[in-house]
Amino acid sequence: MNLKSIEYFLITVEEMNFTRAAGRLYISQQALSSHISRLEEEYGIRLFERRPALSLTPEGEEMYFYGSRILEAERKLRAAFSDIRENCRATMRVGISRLRGEVFFPNIWKYFHASHPNITIDLIDGNSEENEELLLSGKLDLFIGVDIPPQPNLCLMELAREKVQCCLSRTLLQQYYPDNWEVTLENFKQGIDLSQIMELPFITVRQKNRLRKALDYYFTAKRLKPRIIFESNQQELAYELCKSGAGVGLLSPLILYQHLDAIEEDSEPLYVFPLLNELHENIVSLAYRKDYPLPRHTMEFISASCMVFRNYSNSIRENFSPHSGRRE
């Protein structure tokens, strides 16, 4: 049995196209076909039907089922032995969304890589639903996601909680409260109720975002009709528009966290206030499988992640709580 041939077969099944699979593996199509033929000859079966379109035979379905488990078992074996060997080399597959990866992974890497220089991390970009499926199918070792539903086979570690934050520029305050904008600013430092600012234009994320869903649910329940002038999945763009004075930003603390230390003396002042309304909080968690024995380096990666997110949570509490009135 050749494990590499099984791996190549599984990737071919995922792509259902020899050309794409060969490209993904960085080998020639002829080399890939040789590996598939080797498996077919070894077991005396045919794995694929080539016409009218590429598809698995019943034997191919069986090979995919057992082949996936063979490679998973071999990976677990290597992980178990990696704790025994000094200077072990291993690959850890971690799922995380693009934005969270950009914000948090550099610091996680800084803490982790210093003590595990020979561990390669394969970072998989995806949302929580996609990464949960990859974890349960054995294609990830762990992932960091939002509002992960409990599963019998999953361990969940809560890392942080996030609630929509309200951002106003000085220009916007002066435009809508010209006679008493400074007094209004001081009052808003106690926190803002959305019903107080419904006459202002709003900037926020798009409707599929979890925090946006919480906002929409609240607006509907209270029969409020916000004047949303801009919505986008590009939170950085929404932040910049808010900073320019285009409208009130209803944004995730994640994007604001990126700008805590970015104080630009000649830029438009931006004030960040907590919302007093009862809104859903995002629960950020780390998930891994209960039935998979975690090697020491994975446990230490989890510890590094917990430390980085603990700093994030503390920063949210210190900067985005009532009375803080954080100025960017």
C-alpha atoms as a PDB file:
ATOM      1  CA  MET A   1       0.000   0.000   0.000  1.00  0.00           C
ATOM      2  CA  ASN A   2       1.393   3.407  -1.020  1.00  0.00           C
ATOM      3  CA  LEU A   3       0.078   6.210   1.193  1.00  0.00           C
ATOM      4  CA  LYS A   4       1.040   8.864  -1.338  1.00  0.00           C
ATOM      5  CA  SER A   5      -1.058   7.135  -3.995  1.00  0.00           C
ATOM      6  CA  ILE A   6      -4.014   7.106  -1.608  1.00  0.00           C
ATOM      7  CA  GLU A   7      -3.488  10.809  -0.861  1.00  0.00           C
ATOM      8  CA  TYR A   8      -3.380  11.602  -4.583  1.00  0.00           C
ATOM      9  CA  PHE A   9      -6.533   9.561  -5.149  1.00  0.00           C
ATOM     10  CA  LEU A  10      -8.405  11.466  -2.413  1.00  0.00           C
ATOM     11  CA  ILE A  11      -7.425  14.822  -3.894  1.00  0.00           C
ATOM     12  CA  THR A  12      -8.511  13.665  -7.340  1.00  0.00           C
ATOM     13  CA  VAL A  13     -11.903  12.754  -5.880  1.00  0.00           C
ATOM     14  CA  GLU A  14     -12.178  16.192  -4.271  1.00  0.00           C
ATOM     15  CA  GLU A  15     -11.438  17.903  -7.581  1.00  0.00           C
ATOM     16  CA  MET A  16     -13.139  15.344  -9.857  1.00  0.00           C
ATOM     17  CA  ASN A  17     -10.761  16.516 -12.531  1.00  0.00           C
ATOM     18  CA  PHE A  18      -7.299  15.073 -13.243  1.00  0.00           C
ATOM     19  CA  THR A  19      -5.904  18.355 -14.566  1.00  0.00           C
ATOM     20  CA  ARG A  20      -6.972  20.377 -11.523  1.00  0.00           C
ATOM     21  CA  ALA A  21      -5.844  17.651  -9.114  1.00  0.00           C
ATOM     22  CA  ALA A  22      -2.418  17.452 -10.767  1.00  0.00           C
ATOM     23  CA  GLY A  23      -2.091  21.231 -10.576  1.00  0.00           C
ATOM     24  CA  ARG A  24      -3.020  21.215  -6.900  1.00  0.00           C
ATOM     25  CA  LEU A  25      -0.396  18.523  -6.248  1.00  0.00           C
ATOM     26  CA  TYR A  26       2.256  20.216  -8.411  1.00  0.00           C
ATOM     27  CA  ILE A  27       2.825  17.063 -10.459  1.00  0.00           C
ATOM     28  CA  SER A  28       2.159  16.165 -14.071  1.00  0.00           C
ATOM     29  CA  GLN A  29      -1.156  14.650 -15.086  1.00  0.00           C
ATOM     30  CA  GLN A  30       0.760  11.593 -16.311  1.00  0.00           C
ATOM     31  CA  ALA A  31       2.349  11.112 -12.855  1.00  0.00           C
ATOM     32  CA  LEU A  32      -1.071  11.403 -11.199  1.00  0.00           C
ATOM     33  CA  SER A  33      -2.556   8.832 -13.585  1.00  0.00           C
ATOM     34  CA  SER A  34       0.315   6.465 -12.726  1.00  0.00           C
ATOM     35  CA  HIS A  35      -0.513   6.682  -9.030  1.00  0.00           C
ATOM     36  CA  ILE A  36      -4.196   5.974  -9.689  1.00  0.00           C
ATOM     37  CA  SER A  37      -3.309   3.046 -11.980  1.00  0.00           C
ATOM     38  CA  ARG A  38      -0.997   1.656  -9.299  1.00  0.00           C
ATOM     39  CA  LEU A  39      -3.858   1.581  -6.803  1.00  0.00           C
ATOM     40  CA  GLU A  40      -6.196  -0.041  -9.318  1.00  0.00           C
ATOM     41  CA  GLU A  41      -3.641  -2.743 -10.160  1.00  0.00           C
ATOM     42  CA  GLU A  42      -2.810  -3.435  -6.513  1.00  0.00           C
ATOM     43  CA  TYR A  43      -6.439  -4.067  -5.583  1.00  0.00           C
ATOM     44  CA  GLY A  44      -7.678  -5.351  -8.923  1.00  0.00           C
ATOM     45  CA  ILE A  45     -10.408  -2.745  -9.226  1.00  0.00           C
ATOM     46  CA  ARG A  46     -11.404   0.270 -11.302  1.00  0.00           C
ATOM     47  CA  LEU A  47     -11.708   3.476  -9.284  1.00  0.00           C
ATOM     48  CA  PHE A  48     -13.143   5.907 -11.847  1.00  0.00           C
ATOM     49  CA  GLU A  49     -15.570   5.892 -14.740  1.00  0.00           C
ATOM     50  CA  ARG A  50     -14.136   8.226 -17.379  1.00  0.00           C
ATOM     51  CA  ARG A  51     -17.278   8.614 -19.522  1.00  0.00           C
ATOM     52  CA  PRO A  52     -19.554  10.454 -19.967  1.00  0.00           C
ATOM     53  CA  ALA A  53     -17.955  12.437 -17.111  1.00  0.00           C
ATOM     54  CA  LEU A  54     -15.437  11.520 -14.436  1.00  0.00           C
ATOM     55  CA  SER A  55     -17.169   9.734 -11.567  1.00  0.00           C
ATOM     56  CA  LEU A  56     -16.399   7.178  -8.878  1.00  0.00           C
ATOM     57  CA  THR A  57     -17.193   3.508  -9.312  1.00  0.00           C
ATOM     58  CA  PRO A  58     -18.694   1.659  -6.309  1.00  0.00           C
ATOM     59  CA  GLU A  59     -15.162   0.397  -5.606  1.00  0.00           C
ATOM     60  CA  GLY A  60     -13.927   3.983  -5.805  1.00  0.00           C
ATOM     61  CA  GLU A  61     -16.496   5.003  -3.200  1.00  0.00           C
ATOM     62  CA  GLU A  62     -15.175   2.277  -0.887  1.00  0.00           C
ATOM     63  CA  MET A  63     -11.584   3.350  -1.515  1.00  0.00           C
ATOM     64  CA  TYR A  64     -12.452   6.952  -0.671  1.00  0.00           C
ATOM     65  CA  PHE A  65     -14.184   5.890   2.564  1.00  0.00           C
ATOM     66  CA  TYR A  66     -11.362   3.687   3.819  1.00  0.00           C
ATOM     67  CA  GLY A  67      -8.531   5.690   2.271  1.00  0.00           C
ATOM     68  CA  SER A  68      -9.609   8.817   4.182  1.00  0.00           C
ATOM     69  CA  ARG A  69      -9.507   6.873   7.431  1.00  0.00           C
ATOM     70  CA  ILE A  70      -6.152   5.286   6.640  1.00  0.00           C
ATOM     71  CA  LEU A  71      -4.524   8.677   6.097  1.00  0.00           C
ATOM     72  CA  GLU A  72      -6.196  10.096   9.194  1.00  0.00           C
ATOM     73  CA  ALA A  73      -4.913   7.184  11.292  1.00  0.00           C
ATOM     74  CA  GLU A  74      -1.416   7.621   9.875  1.00  0.00           C
ATOM     75  CA  ARG A  75      -1.484  11.337  10.691  1.00  0.00           C
ATOM     76  CA  LYS A  76      -2.592  10.608  14.262  1.00  0.00           C
ATOM     77  CA  LEU A  77       0.253   8.108  14.591  1.00  0.00           C
ATOM     78  CA  ARG A  78       2.782  10.694  13.462  1.00  0.00           C
ATOM     79  CA  ALA A  79       1.318  13.251  15.859  1.00  0.00           C
ATOM     80  CA  ALA A  80       1.563  10.800  18.751  1.00  0.00           C
ATOM     81  CA  PHE A  81       5.221  10.048  17.976  1.00  0.00           C
ATOM     82  CA  SER A  82       6.047  13.716  17.442  1.00  0.00           C
ATOM     83  CA  ASP A  83       5.799  14.307  21.191  1.00  0.00           C
ATOM     84  CA  ILE A  84       8.474  11.692  21.775  1.00  0.00           C
ATOM     85  CA  ARG A  85      11.059  12.896  19.269  1.00  0.00           C
ATOM     86  CA  GLU A  86      13.181  15.957  19.888  1.00  0.00           C
ATOM     87  CA  ASN A  87      12.994  18.693  17.266  1.00  0.00           C
ATOM     88  CA  CYS A  88       9.976  16.943  15.775  1.00  0.00           C
ATOM     89  CA  ARG A  89       8.570  18.061  12.463  1.00  0.00           C
ATOM     90  CA  ALA A  90       4.832  18.088  11.932  1.00  0.00           C
ATOM     91  CA  THR A  91       2.114  20.037  10.145  1.00  0.00           C
ATOM     92  CA  MET A  92      -0.821  21.506  12.020  1.00  0.00           C
ATOM     93  CA  ARG A  93      -3.926  22.479  10.050  1.00  0.00           C
ATOM     94  CA  VAL A  94      -5.770  25.462  11.527  1.00  0.00           C
ATOM     95  CA  GLY A  95      -8.998  27.024  10.292  1.00  0.00           C
ATOM     96  CA  ILE A  96      -9.799  30.712  10.810  1.00  0.00           C
ATOM     97  CA  SER A  97     -11.550  33.480   8.888  1.00  0.00           C
ATOM     98  CA  ARG A  98      -9.408  35.793   6.785  1.00  0.00           C
ATOM     99  CA  LEU A  99      -9.947  38.888   8.949  1.00  0.00           C
ATOM    100  CA  ARG A 100      -9.370  37.107  12.264  1.00  0.00           C
ATOM    101  CA  GLY A 101      -6.291  35.469  10.812  1.00  0.00           C
ATOM    102  CA  GLU A 102      -4.892  38.856   9.806  1.00  0.00           C
ATOM    103  CA  VAL A 103      -5.618  40.368  13.225  1.00  0.00           C
ATOM    104  CA  PHE A 104      -4.675  37.560  15.600  1.00  0.00           C
ATOM    105  CA  PHE A 105      -2.426  35.028  13.893  1.00  0.00           C
ATOM    106  CA  PRO A 106       0.793  37.117  13.835  1.00  0.00           C
ATOM    107  CA  ASN A 107       0.767  37.310  17.651  1.00  0.00           C
ATOM    108  CA  ILE A 108      -0.207  33.651  18.043  1.00  0.00           C
ATOM    109  CA  TRP A 109       2.653  32.753  15.719  1.00  0.00           C
ATOM    110  CA  LYS A 110       5.097  34.912  17.688  1.00  0.00           C
ATOM    111  CA  TYR A 111       4.362  33.050  20.925  1.00  0.00           C
ATOM    112  CA  PHE A 112       4.127  29.590  19.361  1.00  0.00           C
ATOM    113  CA  HIS A 113       6.903  29.519  16.787  1.00  0.00           C
ATOM    114  CA  ALA A 114       9.637  30.487  19.245  1.00  0.00           C
ATOM    115  CA  SER A 115       9.311  27.137  21.033  1.00  0.00           C
ATOM    116  CA  HIS A 116       8.211  25.060  18.010  1.00  0.00           C
ATOM    117  CA  PRO A 117      10.336  26.186  15.043  1.00  0.00           C
ATOM    118  CA  ASN A 118       9.912  22.867  13.193  1.00  0.00           C
ATOM    119  CA  ILE A 119       6.110  22.850  13.230  1.00  0.00           C
ATOM    120  CA  THR A 120       4.539  23.943   9.951  1.00  0.00           C
ATOM    121  CA  ILE A 121       1.116  25.578  10.179  1.00  0.00           C
ATOM    122  CA  ASP A 122      -1.289  25.250   7.272  1.00  0.00           C
ATOM    123  CA  LEU A 123      -3.778  28.100   7.767  1.00  0.00           C
ATOM    124  CA  ILE A 124      -7.144  27.445   6.120  1.00  0.00           C
ATOM    125  CA  ASP A 125      -9.329  30.474   5.356  1.00  0.00           C
ATOM    126  CA  GLY A 126     -13.034  29.789   5.845  1.00  0.00           C
ATOM    127  CA  ASN A 127     -16.135  30.663   7.821  1.00  0.00           C
ATOM    128  CA  SER A 128     -17.239  28.760  10.917  1.00  0.00           C
ATOM    129  CA  GLU A 129     -19.615  26.436   9.072  1.00  0.00           C
ATOM    130  CA  GLU A 130     -17.004  25.469   6.474  1.00  0.00           C
ATOM    131  CA  ASN A 131     -14.287  24.918   9.061  1.00  0.00           C
ATOM    132  CA  GLU A 132     -16.553  22.852  11.295  1.00  0.00           C
ATOM    133  CA  GLU A 133     -17.210  20.494   8.391  1.00  0.00           C
ATOM    134  CA  LEU A 134     -13.473  20.247   7.670  1.00  0.00           C
ATOM    135  CA  LEU A 135     -12.719  19.532  11.333  1.00  0.00           C
ATOM    136  CA  LEU A 136     -15.325  16.795  11.629  1.00  0.00           C
ATOM    137  CA  SER A 137     -14.073  15.178   8.399  1.00  0.00           C
ATOM    138  CA  GLY A 138     -10.495  15.116   9.707  1.00  0.00           C
ATOM    139  CA  LYS A 139      -9.135  17.824   7.404  1.00  0.00           C
ATOM    140  CA  LEU A 140      -8.407  20.288  10.217  1.00  0.00           C
ATOM    141  CA  ASP A 141      -6.785  19.865  13.617  1.00  0.00           C
ATOM    142  CA  LEU A 142      -8.662  22.803  15.126  1.00  0.00           C
ATOM    143  CA  PHE A 143     -10.355  26.027  14.142  1.00  0.00           C
ATOM    144  CA  ILE A 144     -11.338  29.378  15.597  1.00  0.00           C
ATOM    145  CA  GLY A 145     -14.874  30.459  14.784  1.00  0.00           C
ATOM    146  CA  VAL A 146     -17.968  32.331  15.912  1.00  0.00           C
ATOM    147  CA  ASP A 147     -21.156  30.946  17.500  1.00  0.00           C
ATOM    148  CA  ILE A 148     -20.107  27.333  16.948  1.00  0.00           C
ATOM    149  CA  PRO A 149     -23.019  25.039  17.850  1.00  0.00           C
ATOM    150  CA  PRO A 150     -22.301  22.303  20.427  1.00  0.00           C
ATOM    151  CA  GLN A 151     -21.499  18.905  18.916  1.00  0.00           C
ATOM    152  CA  PRO A 152     -21.071  15.590  20.778  1.00  0.00           C
ATOM    153  CA  ASN A 153     -17.651  15.101  19.198  1.00  0.00           C
ATOM    154  CA  LEU A 154     -16.330  18.668  19.659  1.00  0.00           C
ATOM    155  CA  CYS A 155     -14.534  20.454  22.483  1.00  0.00           C
ATOM    156  CA  LEU A 156     -15.260  24.199  22.513  1.00  0.00           C
ATOM    157  CA  MET A 157     -13.123  26.750  24.365  1.00  0.00           C
ATOM    158  CA  GLU A 158     -14.605  30.240  24.607  1.00  0.00           C
ATOM    159  CA  LEU A 159     -12.025  32.878  23.657  1.00  0.00           C
ATOM    160  CA  ALA A 160     -13.930  36.174  23.518  1.00  0.00           C
ATOM    161  CA  ARG A 161     -17.321  37.865  23.253  1.00  0.00           C
ATOM    162  CA  GLU A 162     -18.040  40.628  20.769  1.00  0.00           C
ATOM    163  CA  LYS A 163     -20.838  43.178  20.631  1.00  0.00           C
ATOM    164  CA  VAL A 164     -21.561  45.871  18.045  1.00  0.00           C
ATOM    165  CA  GLN A 165     -19.870  49.188  18.821  1.00  0.00           C
ATOM    166  CA  CYS A 166     -21.076  52.665  17.866  1.00  0.00           C
ATOM    167  CA  CYS A 167     -18.599  55.055  16.215  1.00  0.00           C
ATOM    168  CA  LEU A 168     -19.130  58.769  15.576  1.00  0.00           C
ATOM    169  CA  SER A 169     -16.779  61.364  14.161  1.00  0.00           C
ATOM    170  CA  ARG A 170     -16.506  64.894  15.509  1.00  0.00           C
ATOM    171  CA  THR A 171     -17.706  66.206  12.143  1.00  0.00           C
ATOM    172  CA  LEU A 172     -20.914  64.181  12.402  1.00  0.00           C
ATOM    173  CA  LEU A 173     -21.527  65.322  15.986  1.00  0.00           C
ATOM    174  CA  GLN A 174     -21.051  68.959  14.993  1.00  0.00           C
ATOM    175  CA  GLN A 175     -23.326  68.549  11.964  1.00  0.00           C
ATOM    176  CA  TYR A 176     -26.272  67.024  13.844  1.00  0.00           C
ATOM    177  CA  TYR A 177     -25.780  68.675  17.244  1.00  0.00           C
ATOM    178  CA  PRO A 178     -24.320  72.068  16.278  1.00  0.00           C
ATOM    179  CA  ASP A 179     -25.384  73.915  19.450  1.00  0.00           C
ATOM    180  CA  ASN A 180     -24.405  71.323  22.049  1.00  0.00           C
ATOM    181  CA  TRP A 181     -22.139  68.746  20.425  1.00  0.00           C
ATOM    182  CA  GLU A 182     -19.655  68.778  23.306  1.00  0.00           C
ATOM    183  CA  VAL A 183     -22.393  68.120  25.869  1.00  0.00           C
ATOM    184  CA  THR A 184     -23.777  65.374  23.635  1.00  0.00           C
ATOM    185  CA  LEU A 185     -20.323  63.846  23.409  1.00  0.00           C
ATOM    186  CA  GLU A 186     -20.039  63.694  27.202  1.00  0.00           C
ATOM    187  CA  ASN A 187     -23.501  62.117  27.474  1.00  0.00           C
ATOM    188  CA  PHE A 188     -22.657  59.508  24.841  1.00  0.00           C
ATOM    189  CA  LYS A 189     -19.645  58.429  26.899  1.00  0.00           C
ATOM    190  CA  GLN A 190     -22.138  56.786  29.256  1.00  0.00           C
ATOM    191  CA  GLY A 191     -23.259  54.640  26.326  1.00  0.00           C
ATOM    192  CA  ILE A 192     -25.676  55.140  23.430  1.00  0.00           C
ATOM    193  CA  ASP A 193     -29.195  53.845  22.986  1.00  0.00           C
ATOM    194  CA  LEU A 194     -29.930  53.331  19.292  1.00  0.00           C
ATOM    195  CA  SER A 195     -33.328  54.994  19.621  1.00  0.00           C
ATOM    196  CA  GLN A 196     -31.499  58.249  20.513  1.00  0.00           C
ATOM    197  CA  ILE A 197     -29.723  58.534  17.176  1.00  0.00           C
ATOM    198  CA  MET A 198     -32.237  57.275  14.613  1.00  0.00           C
ATOM    199  CA  GLU A 199     -32.104  60.584  12.728  1.00  0.00           C
ATOM    200  CA  LEU A 200     -28.431  60.009  11.897  1.00  0.00           C
ATOM    201  CA  PRO A 201     -27.215  58.089   8.804  1.00  0.00           C
ATOM    202  CA  PHE A 202     -25.794  54.616   9.519  1.00  0.00           C
ATOM    203  CA  ILE A 203     -22.829  52.680   8.143  1.00  0.00           C
ATOM    204  CA  THR A 204     -22.658  48.974   8.889  1.00  0.00           C
ATOM    205  CA  VAL A 205     -21.788  45.498   7.662  1.00  0.00           C
ATOM    206  CA  ARG A 206     -23.987  43.507   5.287  1.00  0.00           C
ATOM    207  CA  GLN A 207     -26.987  41.451   6.335  1.00  0.00           C
ATOM    208  CA  LYS A 208     -25.317  38.012   6.355  1.00  0.00           C
ATOM    209  CA  ASN A 209     -22.944  39.145   9.110  1.00  0.00           C
ATOM    210  CA  ARG A 210     -23.909  37.850  12.574  1.00  0.00           C
ATOM    211  CA  LEU A 211     -23.602  41.238  14.260  1.00  0.00           C
ATOM    212  CA  ARG A 212     -25.752  42.795  11.544  1.00  0.00           C
ATOM    213  CA  LYS A 213     -28.407  40.129  12.111  1.00  0.00           C
ATOM    214  CA  ALA A 214     -28.468  41.103  15.787  1.00  0.00           C
ATOM    215  CA  LEU A 215     -28.979  44.742  14.802  1.00  0.00           C
ATOM    216  CA  ASP A 216     -31.757  43.943  12.332  1.00  0.00           C
ATOM    217  CA  TYR A 217     -33.519  41.779  14.915  1.00  0.00           C
ATOM    218  CA  TYR A 218     -33.405  44.641  17.419  1.00  0.00           C
ATOM    219  CA  PHE A 219     -34.625  47.245  14.911  1.00  0.00           C
ATOM    220  CA  THR A 220     -37.537  45.018  13.891  1.00  0.00           C
ATOM    221  CA  ALA A 221     -38.499  44.200  17.482  1.00  0.00           C
ATOM    222  CA  LYS A 222     -38.491  47.901  18.443  1.00  0.00           C
ATOM    223  CA  ARG A 223     -40.117  48.992  15.155  1.00  0.00           C
ATOM    224  CA  LEU A 224     -37.240  51.282  14.363  1.00  0.00           C
ATOM    225  CA  LYS A 225     -36.253  52.168  10.808  1.00  0.00           C
ATOM    226  CA  PRO A 226     -32.595  53.159  10.570  1.00  0.00           C
ATOM    227  CA  ARG A 227     -31.353  55.186   7.605  1.00  0.00           C
ATOM    228  CA  ILE A 228     -28.572  52.920   6.381  1.00  0.00           C
ATOM    229  CA  ILE A 229     -26.563  54.765   3.725  1.00  0.00           C
ATOM    230  CA  PHE A 230     -23.754  52.235   3.298  1.00  0.00           C
ATOM    231  CA  GLU A 231     -23.312  48.523   3.986  1.00  0.00           C
ATOM    232  CA  SER A 232     -20.417  46.279   3.030  1.00  0.00           C
ATOM    233  CA  ASN A 233     -18.530  43.165   4.055  1.00  0.00           C
ATOM    234  CA  GLN A 234     -15.379  45.278   3.807  1.00  0.00           C
ATOM    235  CA  GLN A 235     -15.222  46.397   7.416  1.00  0.00           C
ATOM    236  CA  GLU A 236     -12.047  48.418   6.859  1.00  0.00           C
ATOM    237  CA  LEU A 237     -13.866  50.496   4.242  1.00  0.00           C
ATOM    238  CA  ALA A 238     -16.861  50.971   6.551  1.00  0.00           C
ATOM    239  CA  TYR A 239     -14.483  52.131   9.281  1.00  0.00           C
ATOM    240  CA  GLU A 240     -12.800  54.681   7.004  1.00  0.00           C
ATOM    241  CA  LEU A 241     -16.149  56.075   5.841  1.00  0.00           C
ATOM    242  CA  CYS A 242     -17.279  56.427   9.426  1.00  0.00           C
ATOM    243  CA  LYS A 243     -14.009  58.150  10.300  1.00  0.00           C
ATOM    244  CA  SER A 244     -14.523  60.611   7.436  1.00  0.00           C
ATOM    245  CA  GLY A 245     -17.856  61.699   8.936  1.00  0.00           C
ATOM    246  CA  ALA A 246     -20.154  59.997   6.428  1.00  0.00           C
ATOM    247  CA  GLY A 247     -22.310  58.376   9.110  1.00  0.00           C
ATOM    248  CA  VAL A 248     -22.581  56.494  12.390  1.00  0.00           C
ATOM    249  CA  GLY A 249     -20.556  53.299  12.259  1.00  0.00           C
ATOM    250  CA  LEU A 250     -22.142  50.181  13.761  1.00  0.00           C
ATOM    251  CA  LEU A 251     -19.061  48.006  13.652  1.00  0.00           C
ATOM    252  CA  SER A 252     -17.450  44.946  15.170  1.00  0.00           C
ATOM    253  CA  PRO A 253     -14.897  45.562  17.947  1.00  0.00           C
ATOM    254  CA  LEU A 254     -12.571  43.407  15.848  1.00  0.00           C
ATOM    255  CA  ILE A 255     -12.049  46.115  13.235  1.00  0.00           C
ATOM    256  CA  LEU A 256     -11.760  48.794  15.920  1.00  0.00           C
ATOM    257  CA  TYR A 257      -9.186  46.728  17.809  1.00  0.00           C
ATOM    258  CA  GLN A 258      -6.918  46.997  14.777  1.00  0.00           C
ATOM    259  CA  HIS A 259      -6.881  50.790  15.117  1.00  0.00           C
ATOM    260  CA  LEU A 260      -6.423  51.256  18.850  1.00  0.00           C
ATOM    261  CA  ASP A 261      -2.841  52.436  18.482  1.00  0.00           C
ATOM    262  CA  ALA A 262      -3.269  54.239  15.160  1.00  0.00           C
ATOM    263  CA  ILE A 263      -3.493  57.819  16.428  1.00  0.00           C
ATOM    264  CA  GLU A 264      -3.165  60.283  13.555  1.00  0.00           C
ATOM    265  CA  GLU A 265      -2.894  63.836  14.799  1.00  0.00           C
ATOM    266  CA  ASP A 266      -4.128  65.458  11.598  1.00  0.00           C
ATOM    267  CA  SER A 267      -6.974  63.005  10.934  1.00  0.00           C
ATOM    268  CA  GLU A 268     -10.667  63.284  11.719  1.00  0.00           C
ATOM    269  CA  PRO A 269     -11.234  62.372  15.410  1.00  0.00           C
ATOM    270  CA  LEU A 270     -13.403  59.293  15.834  1.00  0.00           C
ATOM    271  CA  TYR A 271     -15.185  58.408  19.073  1.00  0.00           C
ATOM    272  CA  VAL A 272     -16.206  54.860  19.955  1.00  0.00           C
ATOM    273  CA  PHE A 273     -19.107  54.258  22.340  1.00  0.00           C
ATOM    274  CA  PRO A 274     -20.721  51.069  23.663  1.00  0.00           C
ATOM    275  CA  LEU A 275     -24.375  50.419  22.881  1.00  0.00           C
ATOM    276  CA  LEU A 276     -26.705  50.153  25.858  1.00  0.00           C
ATOM    277  CA  ASN A 277     -29.204  48.038  23.917  1.00  0.00           C
ATOM    278  CA  GLU A 278     -29.515  44.332  24.628  1.00  0.00           C
ATOM    279  CA  LEU A 279     -27.976  42.848  21.491  1.00  0.00           C
ATOM    280  CA  HIS A 280     -26.659  39.403  20.645  1.00  0.00           C
ATOM    281  CA  GLU A 281     -22.968  38.911  21.342  1.00  0.00           C
ATOM    282  CA  ASN A 282     -20.691  36.917  19.064  1.00  0.00           C
ATOM    283  CA  ILE A 283     -19.049  34.108  21.020  1.00  0.00           C
ATOM    284  CA  VAL A 284     -15.603  33.410  19.588  1.00  0.00           C
ATOM    285  CA  SER A 285     -14.425  29.872  20.358  1.00  0.00           C
ATOM    286  CA  LEU A 286     -11.681  27.421  19.527  1.00  0.00           C
ATOM    287  CA  ALA A 287     -12.869  23.946  18.514  1.00  0.00           C
ATOM    288  CA  TYR A 288     -11.137  20.584  18.280  1.00  0.00           C
ATOM    289  CA  ARG A 289     -12.258  16.966  18.194  1.00  0.00           C
ATOM    290  CA  LYS A 290     -12.712  14.976  21.397  1.00  0.00           C
ATOM    291  CA  ASP A 291     -11.696  11.706  19.750  1.00  0.00           C
ATOM    292  CA  TYR A 292      -8.352  13.046  18.536  1.00  0.00           C
ATOM    293  CA  PRO A 293      -5.446  12.895  21.026  1.00  0.00           C
ATOM    294  CA  LEU A 294      -3.787  16.299  20.852  1.00  0.00           C
ATOM    295  CA  PRO A 295       0.014  16.314  20.632  1.00  0.00           C
ATOM    296  CA  ARG A 296       1.871  18.675  22.926  1.00  0.00           C
ATOM    297  CA  HIS A 297       2.588  21.249  20.218  1.00  0.00           C
ATOM    298  CA  THR A 298      -1.138  21.526  19.427  1.00  0.00           C
ATOM    299  CA  MET A 299      -1.960  22.053  23.101  1.00  0.00           C
ATOM    300  CA  GLU A 300       0.672  24.792  23.263  1.00  0.00           C
ATOM    301  CA  PHE A 301      -0.774  26.410  20.135  1.00  0.00           C
ATOM    302  CA  ILE A 302      -4.133  26.437  21.931  1.00  0.00           C
ATOM    303  CA  SER A 303      -2.500  28.063  24.963  1.00  0.00           C
ATOM    304  CA  ALA A 304      -0.925  30.749  22.769  1.00  0.00           C
ATOM    305  CA  SER A 305      -4.304  31.400  21.125  1.00  0.00           C
ATOM    306  CA  CYS A 306      -6.007  31.734  24.522  1.00  0.00           C
ATOM    307  CA  MET A 307      -3.399  34.272  25.647  1.00  0.00           C
ATOM    308  CA  VAL A 308      -3.762  36.407  22.515  1.00  0.00           C
ATOM    309  CA  PHE A 309      -7.560  36.411  22.716  1.00  0.00           C
ATOM    310  CA  ARG A 310      -7.434  37.142  26.450  1.00  0.00           C
ATOM    311  CA  ASN A 311      -5.504  40.321  25.612  1.00  0.00           C
ATOM    312  CA  TYR A 312      -8.148  41.121  22.986  1.00  0.00           C
ATOM    313  CA  SER A 313     -11.001  40.617  25.480  1.00  0.00           C
ATOM    314  CA  ASN A 314      -9.286  42.805  28.071  1.00  0.00           C
ATOM    315  CA  SER A 315      -8.788  45.509  25.468  1.00  0.00           C
ATOM    316  CA  ILE A 316     -12.476  45.398  24.521  1.00  0.00           C
ATOM    317  CA  ARG A 317     -13.492  45.793  28.172  1.00  0.00           C
ATOM    318  CA  GLU A 318     -11.063  48.638  28.800  1.00  0.00           C
ATOM    319  CA  ASN A 319     -11.754  50.625  25.654  1.00  0.00           C
ATOM    320  CA  PHE A 320     -15.328  49.863  24.624  1.00  0.00           C
ATOM    321  CA  SER A 321     -17.224  49.893  27.906  1.00  0.00           C
ATOM    322  CA  PRO A 322     -19.423  52.663  29.369  1.00  0.00           C
ATOM    323  CA  HIS A 323     -17.484  55.800  30.422  1.00  0.00           C
ATOM    324  CA  SER A 324     -14.527  54.977  28.160  1.00  0.00           C
ATOM    325  CA  GLY A 325     -15.664  57.046  25.156  1.00  0.00           C
ATOM    326  CA  ARG A 326     -12.577  55.856  23.353  1.00  0.00           C
ATOM    327  CA  ARG A 327     -11.187  58.330  20.845  1.00  0.00           C
ATOM    328  CA  GLU A 328      -9.368  56.945  17.822  1.00  0.00           C
END
